[in-house]
Amino acid sequence: MSRTLPSRQAEELNKSIIAYLAANNLLSSAASLRQEAGLTEDVFDTATANKYETLLEKKWTSIARLQKKIMDLESRNAALQSELDNAAPSSLSKRNQDPVSWLPRLPSRHTLESHRDTINCIAFHPRFSSVASGSDDCTIKIWDWELGELEQTIKGHTRAVLGLDYGGPRGGALLASCSSDLTIKLWDPANQYKNIRTLSGHDHSVSATRR
């Protein structure tokens, strides 16, 4: 068993490798790994093999894309840092460079409390004084940030809510949420935040949504 992966993820990795080997006619290697991993026929049947057959290649492709994106972001970050370092200081006052002048300080205007677990994300409505929060307690809560009051609790996700964002046409903004339950859900603020669509297709947790 892997020393770095949880047992469930290690089992999924073994299944993916076995399915990949079998799909490429490396049957003896697949059989050997299945035996050593303790995956019997009733656990790793044909349907399971079909499910995991292309998963390893998809993961490999995703990692390559992420590595390229990270390299691009690091390059852009270096360029921006160089531009900032070489910028003329005349446009930056000493006061604006002092964190004391712009960091939030107590007392806070409001403290919003209702979630039963960690809060992972928030999103401000583009027009109204509403802010949405998503939590490990599987709920989304809508608050009036001017009054500091809870307006509504939205239930629909079955696992932690990881990302929120408002977006859509002017005057018809929707709230998008994503979750560890592998789905993205769209909610209509104009209709009591009714769930109007659920998007499925990811193999693992969906970490972010952007308009």
Foldseek 3Di string as FASTA:
>chain_A
DDPPDDPVVVVLVLLLVLLQCVVVVVPVVSVVSCVVVVQDCVRNDPVSSVVNNCVVVVVVVVVVVVVVVVVVVVVVVVVVVVCVVPDDCPVPDPLNVDVVNPPDDDDDPEDADDDPAAWAEKEADPPAQWMWIWFQSQWIWIARVVVSGTDDIDHDGPGGWAEWYWDDDVPFIWIWIWFQSQKIWIFGVVVVRDTPDIDHDDPGGDHYDDD
